[in-house]
Amino acid sequence: MNPSESRLRELLEQLHTELERATTLDDQARDALEHLRGDIQAALDASEISAQHSRAISARGANILDQFEDAHPQITLLIKSLLDHLAAV
């Protein structure tokens, strides 16, 4: 496992923790974040992350960022970091 993958796994765990703590997320927002987290986890569990798959996940993440930027700054920072590290893998 390279350092970027290791960091991605750490960030996924942090996102999971933040999702458990977040009390102001509606069900739709929580589902979108869990889906994104699952997609990133599945990509990491695969032997390789294709550029196309990485771009698709990044596009979904960018859409989610628009929803969370003001209300959930910590989650927003984690998603941005996840997307940056995903691009580096």
C-alpha atoms as a PDB file:
ATOM      1  CA  MET A   1       0.000   0.000   0.000  1.00  0.00           C
ATOM      2  CA  ASN A   2       1.454   3.336  -0.996  1.00  0.00           C
ATOM      3  CA  PRO A   3       1.349   6.418   1.263  1.00  0.00           C
ATOM      4  CA  SER A   4      -1.544   7.989  -0.679  1.00  0.00           C
ATOM      5  CA  GLU A   5      -3.672   4.872  -0.224  1.00  0.00           C
ATOM      6  CA  SER A   6      -2.794   4.748   3.447  1.00  0.00           C
ATOM      7  CA  ARG A   7      -3.773   8.398   3.867  1.00  0.00           C
ATOM      8  CA  LEU A   8      -7.025   7.786   1.981  1.00  0.00           C
ATOM      9  CA  ARG A   9      -7.906   5.020   4.425  1.00  0.00           C
ATOM     10  CA  GLU A  10      -7.186   7.333   7.362  1.00  0.00           C
ATOM     11  CA  LEU A  11      -9.370  10.051   5.853  1.00  0.00           C
ATOM     12  CA  LEU A  12     -12.182   7.565   5.234  1.00  0.00           C
ATOM     13  CA  GLU A  13     -12.086   6.597   8.888  1.00  0.00           C
ATOM     14  CA  GLN A  14     -12.181  10.266   9.893  1.00  0.00           C
ATOM     15  CA  LEU A  15     -15.166  10.843   7.601  1.00  0.00           C
ATOM     16  CA  HIS A  16     -16.926   7.850   9.151  1.00  0.00           C
ATOM     17  CA  THR A  17     -16.332   9.327  12.614  1.00  0.00           C
ATOM     18  CA  GLU A  18     -17.611  12.751  11.539  1.00  0.00           C
ATOM     19  CA  LEU A  19     -20.727  11.186  10.032  1.00  0.00           C
ATOM     20  CA  GLU A  20     -21.441   9.427  13.316  1.00  0.00           C
ATOM     21  CA  ARG A  21     -21.054  12.728  15.201  1.00  0.00           C
ATOM     22  CA  ALA A  22     -23.043  14.892  12.787  1.00  0.00           C
ATOM     23  CA  THR A  23     -26.501  15.503  14.184  1.00  0.00           C
ATOM     24  CA  THR A  24     -27.673  18.039  11.611  1.00  0.00           C
ATOM     25  CA  LEU A  25     -27.389  15.859   8.504  1.00  0.00           C
ATOM     26  CA  ASP A  26     -30.648  14.863   6.879  1.00  0.00           C
ATOM     27  CA  ASP A  27     -31.081  11.314   5.607  1.00  0.00           C
ATOM     28  CA  GLN A  28     -30.452  12.263   1.972  1.00  0.00           C
ATOM     29  CA  ALA A  29     -27.180  14.030   2.807  1.00  0.00           C
ATOM     30  CA  ARG A  30     -26.027  11.194   5.043  1.00  0.00           C
ATOM     31  CA  ASP A  31     -26.839   8.645   2.328  1.00  0.00           C
ATOM     32  CA  ALA A  32     -24.904  10.652  -0.285  1.00  0.00           C
ATOM     33  CA  LEU A  33     -21.844  10.809   1.974  1.00  0.00           C
ATOM     34  CA  GLU A  34     -22.044   7.134   2.875  1.00  0.00           C
ATOM     35  CA  HIS A  35     -22.332   6.266  -0.816  1.00  0.00           C
ATOM     36  CA  LEU A  36     -19.253   8.375  -1.618  1.00  0.00           C
ATOM     37  CA  ARG A  37     -17.356   6.793   1.268  1.00  0.00           C
ATOM     38  CA  GLY A  38     -18.352   3.334   0.034  1.00  0.00           C
ATOM     39  CA  ASP A  39     -17.254   4.134  -3.517  1.00  0.00           C
ATOM     40  CA  ILE A  40     -13.845   5.295  -2.325  1.00  0.00           C
ATOM     41  CA  GLN A  41     -13.488   2.251  -0.064  1.00  0.00           C
ATOM     42  CA  ALA A  42     -14.397  -0.095  -2.934  1.00  0.00           C
ATOM     43  CA  ALA A  43     -11.874   1.625  -5.191  1.00  0.00           C
ATOM     44  CA  LEU A  44      -9.175   1.172  -2.555  1.00  0.00           C
ATOM     45  CA  ASP A  45     -10.080  -2.480  -2.083  1.00  0.00           C
ATOM     46  CA  ALA A  46      -9.720  -3.114  -5.828  1.00  0.00           C
ATOM     47  CA  SER A  47      -6.273  -3.986  -7.103  1.00  0.00           C
ATOM     48  CA  GLU A  48      -6.124  -0.766  -9.142  1.00  0.00           C
ATOM     49  CA  ILE A  49      -8.094   2.442  -9.300  1.00  0.00           C
ATOM     50  CA  SER A  50      -8.760   3.349 -12.912  1.00  0.00           C
ATOM     51  CA  ALA A  51      -8.494   6.974 -13.946  1.00  0.00           C
ATOM     52  CA  GLN A  52     -12.096   6.854 -15.162  1.00  0.00           C
ATOM     53  CA  HIS A  53     -13.340   5.507 -11.826  1.00  0.00           C
ATOM     54  CA  SER A  54     -11.320   8.099  -9.936  1.00  0.00           C
ATOM     55  CA  ARG A  55     -12.796  10.905 -12.067  1.00  0.00           C
ATOM     56  CA  ALA A  56     -16.338   9.607 -11.538  1.00  0.00           C
ATOM     57  CA  ILE A  57     -15.884   9.492  -7.770  1.00  0.00           C
ATOM     58  CA  SER A  58     -14.300  12.951  -7.807  1.00  0.00           C
ATOM     59  CA  ALA A  59     -17.227  14.364  -9.786  1.00  0.00           C
ATOM     60  CA  ARG A  60     -19.736  12.954  -7.263  1.00  0.00           C
ATOM     61  CA  GLY A  61     -17.622  14.312  -4.439  1.00  0.00           C
ATOM     62  CA  ALA A  62     -17.532  17.771  -6.005  1.00  0.00           C
ATOM     63  CA  ASN A  63     -21.336  17.767  -6.244  1.00  0.00           C
ATOM     64  CA  ILE A  64     -21.601  16.783  -2.599  1.00  0.00           C
ATOM     65  CA  LEU A  65     -19.189  19.540  -1.564  1.00  0.00           C
ATOM     66  CA  ASP A  66     -21.618  22.174  -2.797  1.00  0.00           C
ATOM     67  CA  GLN A  67     -24.228  20.881  -0.344  1.00  0.00           C
ATOM     68  CA  PHE A  68     -21.969  20.845   2.715  1.00  0.00           C
ATOM     69  CA  GLU A  69     -19.602  23.759   2.366  1.00  0.00           C
ATOM     70  CA  ASP A  70     -21.406  26.164   4.702  1.00  0.00           C
ATOM     71  CA  ALA A  71     -23.182  23.891   7.145  1.00  0.00           C
ATOM     72  CA  HIS A  72     -20.491  21.249   7.683  1.00  0.00           C
ATOM     73  CA  PRO A  73     -16.986  22.688   7.330  1.00  0.00           C
ATOM     74  CA  GLN A  74     -15.203  19.681   8.880  1.00  0.00           C
ATOM     75  CA  ILE A  75     -16.931  17.227   6.559  1.00  0.00           C
ATOM     76  CA  THR A  76     -16.168  19.543   3.637  1.00  0.00           C
ATOM     77  CA  LEU A  77     -12.460  19.570   4.496  1.00  0.00           C
ATOM     78  CA  LEU A  78     -12.389  15.792   4.771  1.00  0.00           C
ATOM     79  CA  ILE A  79     -14.095  15.348   1.408  1.00  0.00           C
ATOM     80  CA  LYS A  80     -11.681  17.790  -0.234  1.00  0.00           C
ATOM     81  CA  SER A  81      -8.722  15.898   1.237  1.00  0.00           C
ATOM     82  CA  LEU A  82     -10.181  12.566   0.143  1.00  0.00           C
ATOM     83  CA  LEU A  83     -10.655  13.808  -3.412  1.00  0.00           C
ATOM     84  CA  ASP A  84      -7.140  15.273  -3.529  1.00  0.00           C
ATOM     85  CA  HIS A  85      -5.585  12.026  -2.316  1.00  0.00           C
ATOM     86  CA  LEU A  86      -7.756   9.947  -4.623  1.00  0.00           C
ATOM     87  CA  ALA A  87      -6.441  11.923  -7.576  1.00  0.00           C
ATOM     88  CA  ALA A  88      -2.887  11.148  -6.433  1.00  0.00           C
ATOM     89  CA  VAL A  89      -3.386   7.370  -6.276  1.00  0.00           C
END
